[in-house]
């Protein structure tokens, strides 16, 4: 019997079929190109969020709750009628001032324009109050508070554990990565804290009733009214003009059946203006006007 030969460990006989088989033309090139494309994709995706933030830093997305919940004045639609305003203003002055000293149509038009603006401001405030009382607002404030608490906790833990004692050879890495992380932390916390503060300020808007808002609106209109009547007989009794404005613009109702209705009405106007001027909420009203784009007419 012929002796059996053994194959040395680790060696195999050549396969003629494999040796004779030709690799399709372009196969190796396609494989190499796929690997190179994958590497390029990895390079493009590596830290792409950081790169995107750096490129868009000037126009980065910021938290602006006032754009969401404060209703702009210019989008409100006034329902005030010019002729009705003129008629009501004159009727209030009837018996209080001589007919020859009534405001001119030009002055009445100026008062009407301010009344229209006041109505829009009132409507914007009313809708802002509804927005602040909405579920969307409550959920937003809850989310911001939760995120700020969580983020501050994580940051405190990181600062406590990381004492900045990197070996010298790691200093360049620390300056690039860790310091960048610190800067992002500060910015994110600042945005969350500022947003929480602003949302909490907005909750103060909902504490005032519609009567209070009307009083504040009238207080803001008073400088414009005085300026418009400065060259008329009404400048001697500005409270009469302000009361006529409140009546004509329907900012305050008038009980026609009461004794000395107009006199009582003017006393009521003066009392409301005094309370509004002394109110702690005045700053909230002014803040609303600035953020809603209201025209602070002189």
Protein backbone atom coordinates (compact mmCIF):
# COMPACT_ATOMS: atom_id res chain seq x y z
CA UNK A 1 0.00 0.00 0.00
CA UNK A 2 1.34 3.34 -0.96
CA UNK A 3 2.24 5.64 1.89
CA UNK A 4 -0.25 8.47 2.59
CA UNK A 5 1.17 11.93 2.41
CA UNK A 6 0.04 14.57 4.87
CA UNK A 7 -0.55 18.21 4.12
CA UNK A 8 1.66 20.54 6.09
CA UNK A 9 -0.34 22.41 8.73
CA UNK A 10 -1.40 25.77 7.56
CA UNK A 11 -1.07 25.02 3.88
CA UNK A 12 -3.70 24.20 1.31
CA UNK A 13 -3.55 22.95 -2.19
CA UNK A 14 -4.14 25.58 -4.79
CA UNK A 15 -7.57 25.62 -6.33
CA UNK A 16 -7.17 25.71 -10.09
CA UNK A 17 -10.67 27.09 -10.51
CA UNK A 18 -9.98 30.04 -8.29
CA UNK A 19 -6.67 30.72 -9.93
CA UNK A 20 -8.10 30.58 -13.39
CA UNK A 21 -11.10 32.80 -12.47
CA UNK A 22 -10.57 36.36 -13.60
CA UNK A 23 -11.73 39.25 -11.42
CA UNK A 24 -14.30 41.31 -13.33
CA UNK A 25 -12.88 44.49 -14.71
CA UNK A 26 -13.55 47.46 -12.48
CA UNK A 27 -14.54 45.36 -9.44
CA UNK A 28 -11.51 46.32 -7.41
CA UNK A 29 -11.98 49.97 -8.34
CA UNK A 30 -15.61 49.90 -7.23
CA UNK A 31 -14.71 48.34 -3.90
CA UNK A 32 -12.00 50.90 -3.28
CA UNK A 33 -14.31 53.77 -4.24
CA UNK A 34 -16.98 52.53 -1.80
CA UNK A 35 -14.42 52.46 1.03
CA UNK A 36 -13.24 55.95 0.17
CA UNK A 37 -16.83 57.24 0.01
CA UNK A 38 -17.55 55.70 3.40
CA UNK A 39 -14.49 57.38 4.85
CA UNK A 40 -15.55 60.71 3.41
CA UNK A 41 -19.03 60.30 4.92
CA UNK A 42 -17.49 59.54 8.30
CA UNK A 43 -15.32 62.63 8.00
CA UNK A 44 -18.32 64.75 7.01
CA UNK A 45 -20.49 63.41 9.84
CA UNK A 46 -17.80 63.69 12.51
CA UNK A 47 -18.77 66.54 14.85
CA UNK A 48 -21.06 67.90 12.14
CA UNK A 49 -23.34 69.44 14.75
CA UNK A 50 -20.47 71.46 16.15
CA UNK A 51 -19.48 72.53 12.66
CA UNK A 52 -23.07 73.48 11.86
CA UNK A 53 -23.34 75.51 15.07
CA UNK A 54 -20.07 77.32 14.33
CA UNK A 55 -21.21 78.20 10.81
CA UNK A 56 -24.66 79.37 11.91
CA UNK A 57 -23.67 81.00 15.21
CA UNK A 58 -24.76 84.48 14.14
CA UNK A 59 -28.19 83.13 13.13
CA UNK A 60 -28.41 80.31 15.67
CA UNK A 61 -31.81 79.25 16.93
CA UNK A 62 -32.57 81.16 20.13
CA UNK A 63 -35.38 80.85 22.66
CA UNK A 64 -37.74 83.80 22.20
CA UNK A 65 -40.93 83.14 24.17
CA UNK A 66 -42.21 86.68 23.65
CA UNK A 67 -42.56 85.95 19.92
CA UNK A 68 -44.79 82.99 20.76
CA UNK A 69 -47.04 84.30 23.51
CA UNK A 70 -47.13 88.10 23.21
CA UNK A 71 -49.63 89.06 20.56
CA UNK A 72 -48.45 91.89 18.27
CA UNK A 73 -50.51 95.04 18.18
CA UNK A 74 -50.28 95.58 14.43
CA UNK A 75 -52.11 92.31 13.69
CA UNK A 76 -55.20 93.33 15.67
CA UNK A 77 -58.27 94.57 13.80
CA UNK A 78 -60.04 97.65 15.09
CA UNK A 79 -63.84 97.84 14.98
CA UNK A 80 -64.01 101.55 15.82
CA UNK A 81 -65.96 103.83 13.53
CA UNK A 82 -64.71 107.35 12.82
CA UNK A 83 -68.13 109.03 12.67
CA UNK A 84 -69.30 107.25 15.81
CA UNK A 85 -66.18 108.35 17.68
CA UNK A 86 -66.61 111.98 16.59
CA UNK A 87 -70.28 111.93 17.56
CA UNK A 88 -69.68 110.41 20.99
CA UNK A 89 -66.82 112.80 21.73
CA UNK A 90 -68.96 115.83 20.87
CA UNK A 91 -71.96 114.50 22.80
CA UNK A 92 -69.88 114.13 25.94
CA UNK A 93 -68.66 117.72 25.65
CA UNK A 94 -72.26 118.93 25.19
CA UNK A 95 -73.10 121.05 28.20
CA UNK A 96 -69.54 121.04 29.49
CA UNK A 97 -67.94 123.34 26.91
CA UNK A 98 -69.36 126.01 24.53
CA UNK A 99 -70.16 124.71 21.06
CA UNK A 100 -67.80 127.27 19.56
CA UNK A 101 -64.92 125.69 21.44
CA UNK A 102 -65.39 122.13 20.22
CA UNK A 103 -62.29 120.48 18.73
CA UNK A 104 -61.83 120.83 14.98
CA UNK A 105 -62.33 117.80 12.71
CA UNK A 106 -58.54 117.57 12.34
CA UNK A 107 -58.08 117.30 16.12
CA UNK A 108 -60.91 114.79 16.36
CA UNK A 109 -59.25 112.73 13.63
CA UNK A 110 -56.01 112.74 15.64
CA UNK A 111 -57.88 111.61 18.73
CA UNK A 112 -59.65 108.94 16.68
CA UNK A 113 -56.34 107.54 15.42
CA UNK A 114 -55.05 107.30 18.98
CA UNK A 115 -58.29 105.62 20.04
CA UNK A 116 -57.89 103.04 17.27
CA UNK A 117 -54.35 102.36 18.48
CA UNK A 118 -55.59 102.03 22.06
CA UNK A 119 -58.22 99.52 20.99
CA UNK A 120 -55.60 97.43 19.20
CA UNK A 121 -53.35 97.55 22.27
CA UNK A 122 -56.26 96.43 24.43
CA UNK A 123 -57.08 93.54 22.08
CA UNK A 124 -53.43 92.47 21.93
CA UNK A 125 -53.22 92.47 25.71
CA UNK A 126 -56.43 90.48 26.06
CA UNK A 127 -55.21 87.83 23.61
CA UNK A 128 -51.83 87.74 25.32
CA UNK A 129 -53.54 87.02 28.63
CA UNK A 130 -55.43 84.14 27.01
CA UNK A 131 -52.14 82.80 25.58
CA UNK A 132 -50.47 82.97 29.00
CA UNK A 133 -53.38 81.05 30.53
CA UNK A 134 -53.19 78.33 27.85
CA UNK A 135 -51.99 74.74 28.26
CA UNK A 136 -49.22 75.48 25.76
CA UNK A 137 -47.80 78.15 28.04
CA UNK A 138 -48.04 76.00 31.17
CA UNK A 139 -46.32 73.12 29.41
CA UNK A 140 -43.58 75.43 28.11
CA UNK A 141 -42.84 76.83 31.56
CA UNK A 142 -42.87 73.36 33.10
CA UNK A 143 -40.49 72.03 30.44
CA UNK A 144 -38.04 74.92 30.79
CA UNK A 145 -37.96 74.54 34.57
CA UNK A 146 -37.33 70.81 34.29
CA UNK A 147 -34.61 71.21 31.67
CA UNK A 148 -32.86 73.97 33.61
CA UNK A 149 -32.89 71.91 36.81
CA UNK A 150 -31.56 68.84 35.01
CA UNK A 151 -28.91 70.75 33.09
CA UNK A 152 -27.66 72.62 36.16
CA UNK A 153 -27.41 69.33 38.07
CA UNK A 154 -25.37 67.71 35.29
CA UNK A 155 -23.12 70.72 35.03
CA UNK A 156 -22.46 70.80 38.77
CA UNK A 157 -21.55 67.12 38.68
CA UNK A 158 -19.16 67.68 35.78
CA UNK A 159 -17.45 70.65 37.42
CA UNK A 160 -17.07 68.74 40.67
CA UNK A 161 -15.52 65.70 39.03
CA UNK A 162 -13.36 67.60 36.59
CA UNK A 163 -10.75 69.60 38.49
CA UNK A 164 -8.68 70.74 35.52
CA UNK A 165 -5.57 68.74 36.41
CA UNK A 166 -4.84 67.31 33.01
CA UNK A 167 -1.26 66.21 32.28
CA UNK A 168 0.77 68.63 30.21
CA UNK A 169 0.50 66.52 27.10
CA UNK A 170 -3.33 66.72 27.34
CA UNK A 171 -3.48 70.52 27.70
CA UNK A 172 -4.13 71.20 23.98
CA UNK A 173 -6.98 68.67 24.05
CA UNK A 174 -8.39 70.28 27.20
CA UNK A 175 -8.28 73.76 25.73
CA UNK A 176 -10.02 72.63 22.56
CA UNK A 177 -12.69 70.23 23.79
CA UNK A 178 -13.31 70.77 27.46
CA UNK A 179 -13.25 74.56 27.33
CA UNK A 180 -15.57 74.48 24.32
CA UNK A 181 -17.90 72.23 26.30
CA UNK A 182 -17.79 74.67 29.22
CA UNK A 183 -18.69 77.54 26.93
CA UNK A 184 -21.64 75.64 25.47
CA UNK A 185 -22.80 74.76 28.96
CA UNK A 186 -22.77 78.39 30.03
CA UNK A 187 -24.65 79.50 26.93
CA UNK A 188 -27.33 76.79 27.21
CA UNK A 189 -27.86 77.44 30.91
CA UNK A 190 -28.05 81.20 30.29
CA UNK A 191 -30.68 80.72 27.58
CA UNK A 192 -32.78 78.38 29.73
CA UNK A 193 -32.51 80.65 32.76
CA UNK A 194 -33.41 83.74 30.71
CA UNK A 195 -36.37 81.94 29.14
CA UNK A 196 -37.64 80.81 32.53
CA UNK A 197 -37.36 84.36 33.86
CA UNK A 198 -39.25 85.76 30.87
CA UNK A 199 -42.02 83.15 31.06
CA UNK A 200 -42.46 83.82 34.76
CA UNK A 201 -42.67 87.54 34.01
CA UNK A 202 -45.37 86.82 31.45
CA UNK A 203 -47.50 85.16 34.13
CA UNK A 204 -47.85 88.60 35.72
CA UNK A 205 -49.75 89.77 32.63
CA UNK A 206 -52.65 87.50 33.53
CA UNK A 207 -53.08 88.99 37.02
CA UNK A 208 -54.76 92.19 35.77
CA UNK A 209 -58.44 92.29 34.89
CA UNK A 210 -59.90 93.99 31.84
CA UNK A 211 -60.95 97.03 33.87
CA UNK A 212 -57.37 97.49 35.08
CA UNK A 213 -56.05 97.14 31.54
CA UNK A 214 -58.49 99.75 30.25
CA UNK A 215 -57.29 102.13 32.98
CA UNK A 216 -53.65 101.58 32.01
CA UNK A 217 -54.47 102.07 28.34
CA UNK A 218 -56.16 105.37 29.15
CA UNK A 219 -53.15 106.43 31.21
CA UNK A 220 -50.88 105.73 28.24
CA UNK A 221 -53.18 107.72 25.96
CA UNK A 222 -53.25 110.80 28.21
CA UNK A 223 -49.98 112.37 26.90
CA UNK A 224 -51.24 112.07 23.32
CA UNK A 225 -54.60 113.61 24.22
CA UNK A 226 -52.95 116.55 25.98
CA UNK A 227 -50.67 117.14 23.01
CA UNK A 228 -53.58 117.14 20.56
CA UNK A 229 -55.69 119.59 22.57
CA UNK A 230 -52.76 121.83 23.57
CA UNK A 231 -53.92 124.69 21.33
CA UNK A 232 -57.61 124.44 22.21
CA UNK A 233 -59.88 125.58 25.02
CA UNK A 234 -59.88 121.98 26.35
CA UNK A 235 -56.25 122.38 27.40
CA UNK A 236 -57.54 124.25 30.45
CA UNK A 237 -59.57 121.22 31.58
CA UNK A 238 -57.64 118.16 30.33
CA UNK A 239 -59.65 115.79 32.50
CA UNK A 240 -62.74 116.66 30.44
CA UNK A 241 -60.92 115.78 27.23
CA UNK A 242 -59.57 112.52 28.69
CA UNK A 243 -63.03 111.58 29.94
CA UNK A 244 -64.56 112.40 26.54
CA UNK A 245 -61.88 110.25 24.91
CA UNK A 246 -62.60 107.35 27.27
CA UNK A 247 -66.31 107.62 26.50
CA UNK A 248 -65.92 108.01 22.73
CA UNK A 249 -63.47 105.09 22.49
CA UNK A 250 -65.62 102.96 24.85
CA UNK A 251 -62.66 102.28 27.14
CA UNK A 252 -64.96 103.05 30.09
CA UNK A 253 -68.77 102.71 30.18
CA UNK A 254 -70.96 105.63 31.18
CA UNK A 255 -74.16 105.16 33.16
CA UNK A 256 -76.40 107.73 31.51
CA UNK A 257 -79.21 107.28 34.02
CA UNK A 258 -77.12 108.26 37.05
CA UNK A 259 -77.43 111.70 38.62
CA UNK A 260 -74.70 114.01 37.39
CA UNK A 261 -73.52 111.17 35.17
CA UNK A 262 -70.75 113.10 33.44
CA UNK A 263 -69.43 114.58 36.68
CA UNK A 264 -69.34 111.16 38.30
CA UNK A 265 -67.76 109.74 35.19
CA UNK A 266 -64.94 112.31 35.23
CA UNK A 267 -64.29 111.59 38.92
CA UNK A 268 -64.15 107.91 38.07
CA UNK A 269 -61.68 108.59 35.25
CA UNK A 270 -59.44 110.60 37.57
CA UNK A 271 -59.55 107.83 40.21
CA UNK A 272 -58.67 105.16 37.68
CA UNK A 273 -55.78 107.19 36.29
CA UNK A 274 -54.43 107.74 39.80
CA UNK A 275 -54.62 104.03 40.64
CA UNK A 276 -53.00 103.05 37.36
CA UNK A 277 -50.16 105.54 37.84
CA UNK A 278 -49.45 104.19 41.33
CA UNK A 279 -49.89 100.53 40.40
CA UNK A 280 -46.96 98.13 40.60
CA UNK A 281 -48.29 96.55 37.41
CA UNK A 282 -47.43 99.65 35.41
CA UNK A 283 -44.00 98.24 34.57
CA UNK A 284 -45.65 95.08 33.23
CA UNK A 285 -47.89 97.20 31.02
CA UNK A 286 -44.94 99.18 29.70
CA UNK A 287 -43.02 95.97 29.12
CA UNK A 288 -45.93 94.56 27.17
CA UNK A 289 -46.09 97.69 25.02
CA UNK A 290 -42.41 97.48 24.18
CA UNK A 291 -42.55 93.77 23.30
CA UNK A 292 -45.84 93.84 21.42
CA UNK A 293 -44.74 96.68 19.17
CA UNK A 294 -47.30 99.13 20.54
CA UNK A 295 -46.86 102.76 19.44
CA UNK A 296 -45.97 104.89 22.42
CA UNK A 297 -47.40 108.08 21.00
CA UNK A 298 -46.41 111.34 22.67
